[in-house]
Protein backbone atom coordinates (compact mmCIF):
# COMPACT_ATOMS: atom_id res chain seq x y z
CA UNK A 1 1.13 12.48 15.30
CA UNK A 2 -0.78 9.85 13.20
CA UNK A 3 1.48 7.00 12.00
CA UNK A 4 1.43 5.54 8.40
CA UNK A 5 3.38 2.24 7.54
CA UNK A 6 4.69 2.59 3.84
CA UNK A 7 5.51 -1.02 2.75
CA UNK A 8 8.96 -1.51 0.82
CA UNK A 9 10.48 -4.40 -0.78
CA UNK A 10 13.03 -4.88 -3.72
CA UNK A 11 11.72 -3.90 -7.18
CA UNK A 12 9.22 -1.21 -5.98
CA UNK A 13 8.01 1.40 -8.61
CA UNK A 14 10.05 4.59 -7.66
CA UNK A 15 7.35 7.17 -7.95
CA UNK A 16 4.83 4.92 -6.21
CA UNK A 17 6.96 4.81 -3.05
CA UNK A 18 8.58 8.29 -3.07
CA UNK A 19 5.72 10.38 -3.97
CA UNK A 20 3.24 9.32 -1.25
CA UNK A 21 6.32 9.16 1.17
CA UNK A 22 7.14 12.88 0.68
CA UNK A 23 3.53 14.05 0.47
CA UNK A 24 2.40 12.26 3.62
CA UNK A 25 5.46 13.74 5.35
CA UNK A 26 4.78 17.14 4.18
CA UNK A 27 1.06 16.80 5.31
CA UNK A 28 2.76 16.12 8.93
CA UNK A 29 2.13 12.37 9.25
CA UNK A 30 4.84 10.14 10.63
CA UNK A 31 5.82 7.79 7.83
CA UNK A 32 7.54 4.47 8.72
CA UNK A 33 9.16 2.44 5.90
CA UNK A 34 8.34 -1.11 6.72
CA UNK A 35 10.19 -4.07 4.85
CA UNK A 36 10.42 -7.65 5.58
CA UNK A 37 13.60 -6.77 7.61
CA UNK A 38 14.76 -3.55 9.54
CA UNK A 39 17.73 -1.47 8.30
CA UNK A 40 17.83 -3.29 4.87
CA UNK A 41 18.59 -1.28 1.70
CA UNK A 42 15.80 -2.09 -0.76
CA UNK A 43 16.27 -1.27 -4.38
CA UNK A 44 13.59 0.01 -6.92
CA UNK A 45 12.93 -1.13 -10.41
CA UNK A 46 15.14 1.56 -11.73
CA UNK A 47 18.03 1.06 -9.20
CA UNK A 48 17.17 3.76 -6.60
CA UNK A 49 17.91 2.35 -3.01
CA UNK A 50 15.95 3.18 0.26
CA UNK A 51 16.42 1.81 3.71
CA UNK A 52 13.64 0.30 5.95
CA UNK A 53 13.01 1.81 9.27
CA UNK A 54 11.27 -1.26 10.63
CA UNK A 55 10.58 -4.94 9.79
CA UNK A 56 7.00 -5.99 9.47
CA UNK A 57 7.37 -8.32 12.44
CA UNK A 58 7.94 -5.26 14.58
CA UNK A 59 4.84 -3.32 13.67
CA UNK A 60 1.39 -3.60 15.20
CA UNK A 61 -1.72 -2.57 13.35
CA UNK A 62 -3.05 -0.77 16.55
CA UNK A 63 -0.12 1.77 16.24
CA UNK A 64 -1.10 2.97 12.66
CA UNK A 65 -3.86 4.68 10.92
CA UNK A 66 -2.84 3.58 7.34
CA UNK A 67 -0.76 1.49 5.28
CA UNK A 68 0.47 2.34 1.80
CA UNK A 69 1.46 -0.33 -0.63
CA UNK A 70 3.40 0.72 -3.71
CA UNK A 71 3.45 -1.28 -6.88
CA UNK A 72 6.07 -2.34 -9.17
CA UNK A 73 7.06 -5.89 -8.72
CA UNK A 74 7.57 -5.42 -4.92
CA UNK A 75 4.01 -6.58 -3.88
CA UNK A 76 5.13 -10.12 -5.42
CA UNK A 77 8.07 -10.01 -2.83
CA UNK A 78 5.75 -8.67 -0.09
CA UNK A 79 3.42 -11.38 -0.39
CA UNK A 80 6.26 -13.94 0.52
CA UNK A 81 6.56 -12.40 4.02
CA UNK A 82 4.00 -13.84 6.44
CA UNK A 83 4.51 -10.90 8.89
CA UNK A 84 3.87 -8.35 6.20
CA UNK A 85 0.59 -10.36 5.21
CA UNK A 86 -0.44 -10.64 8.91
CA UNK A 87 0.14 -6.86 9.41
CA UNK A 88 -2.18 -5.92 6.30
CA UNK A 89 -4.79 -8.40 7.44
CA UNK A 90 -4.90 -6.93 10.79
CA UNK A 91 -5.13 -3.42 9.55
CA UNK A 92 -8.00 -4.61 7.38
CA UNK A 93 -9.76 -6.22 10.41
CA UNK A 94 -9.57 -3.03 12.27
CA UNK A 95 -10.96 -1.10 9.31
CA UNK A 96 -7.73 1.11 9.07
CA UNK A 97 -6.94 2.63 5.77
CA UNK A 98 -5.18 0.43 3.15
CA UNK A 99 -4.06 2.33 0.13
CA UNK A 100 -2.42 0.54 -2.91
CA UNK A 101 -1.52 1.44 -6.31
CA UNK A 102 -0.68 -0.41 -9.47
CA UNK A 103 0.37 -3.94 -8.51
CA UNK A 104 -0.13 -3.13 -4.85
CA UNK A 105 -3.70 -4.34 -4.65
CA UNK A 106 -2.22 -7.94 -5.06
CA UNK A 107 -1.60 -7.53 -1.22
CA UNK A 108 -5.27 -6.84 -0.81
CA UNK A 109 -6.24 -9.93 -2.76
CA UNK A 110 -4.25 -11.96 -0.28
CA UNK A 111 -4.72 -10.15 3.12
CA UNK A 112 -8.19 -8.26 2.91
CA UNK A 113 -11.79 -9.08 2.58
CA UNK A 114 -12.58 -7.73 -0.72
CA UNK A 115 -16.20 -9.03 -0.92
CA UNK A 116 -18.53 -6.19 -1.70
CA UNK A 117 -15.52 -3.74 -2.26
CA UNK A 118 -14.81 -1.74 -5.39
CA UNK A 119 -11.14 -1.45 -6.51
CA UNK A 120 -8.77 -0.44 -9.21
CA UNK A 121 -5.30 -1.47 -10.05
CA UNK A 122 -2.85 -1.92 -13.13
CA UNK A 123 -5.06 -3.94 -15.40
CA UNK A 124 -3.04 -6.99 -15.39
CA UNK A 125 -4.10 -7.98 -11.92
CA UNK A 126 -7.86 -7.41 -12.41
CA UNK A 127 -8.49 -11.09 -12.47
CA UNK A 128 -6.75 -11.68 -9.18
CA UNK A 129 -8.88 -8.94 -7.56
CA UNK A 130 -12.08 -10.25 -9.03
CA UNK A 131 -11.33 -13.70 -8.00
CA UNK A 132 -10.74 -12.35 -4.55
CA UNK A 133 -14.45 -11.11 -4.51
CA UNK A 134 -13.88 -7.32 -5.48
CA UNK A 135 -15.62 -5.36 -8.21
CA UNK A 136 -12.87 -3.96 -10.42
CA UNK A 137 -13.29 -0.60 -12.18
CA UNK A 138 -10.91 1.39 -14.48
CA UNK A 139 -10.76 4.74 -12.63
CA UNK A 140 -7.70 6.95 -11.44
CA UNK A 141 -8.69 6.40 -7.79
CA UNK A 142 -11.29 4.20 -5.99
CA UNK A 143 -12.31 4.62 -2.36
CA UNK A 144 -14.38 1.81 -1.16
CA UNK A 145 -14.80 1.76 2.80
CA UNK A 146 -11.23 1.50 4.08
CA UNK A 147 -9.61 0.72 0.79
CA UNK A 148 -8.13 3.37 -1.48
CA UNK A 149 -6.66 2.14 -4.88
CA UNK A 150 -5.22 3.57 -8.03
CA UNK A 151 -3.82 2.20 -11.33
CA UNK A 152 -0.46 3.69 -12.33
CA UNK A 153 2.03 6.55 -11.42
CA UNK A 154 -0.11 8.85 -13.64
CA UNK A 155 -2.80 8.64 -10.78
CA UNK A 156 -0.42 9.59 -7.89
CA UNK A 157 -1.92 12.88 -7.32
CA UNK A 158 -5.48 11.72 -6.99
CA UNK A 159 -4.15 8.74 -4.94
CA UNK A 160 -2.13 10.60 -2.44
CA UNK A 161 -5.00 13.26 -2.18
CA UNK A 162 -7.52 10.60 -1.29
CA UNK A 163 -5.10 9.15 1.36
CA UNK A 164 -4.76 12.60 2.91
CA UNK A 165 -8.38 13.44 2.70
CA UNK A 166 -9.40 10.06 4.26
CA UNK A 167 -6.80 10.65 7.23
CA UNK A 168 -8.18 14.02 7.80
CA UNK A 169 -11.79 13.25 7.39
């Protein structure tokens, strides 16, 4: 069974974590919730809790086919964990799928090679992505090599469908 890491930290956007989590499980992928720490209860922007399965220091990029990064304010917290950033960097280096929505591409700006890539995101982090070398566009979903990005919860159907298509393709 193909394994997907779904990153979690406090202040995640509820729908941007739970919708891909459930859709990917429904599509028969193993989805591991990966936080800075294992077994910790992380709370969403709206107070909904979820418990991490693993700590980012426990995961290895070679064991996963993709990583999904939800938005909200959690990417700002994720960027503070070296093990999380190292994991995403290794996933990018191996050409694995990295999917991020809303503020999630902030992680890509710090951990991925964005030169020559096209991405989208919530509009407020456009400058961060452009400064990291990406071309930014305003579209519901963008697939650029191994990177899949979307803007907001309204794009979740297209975003998750693009992830599933890439994993099955």
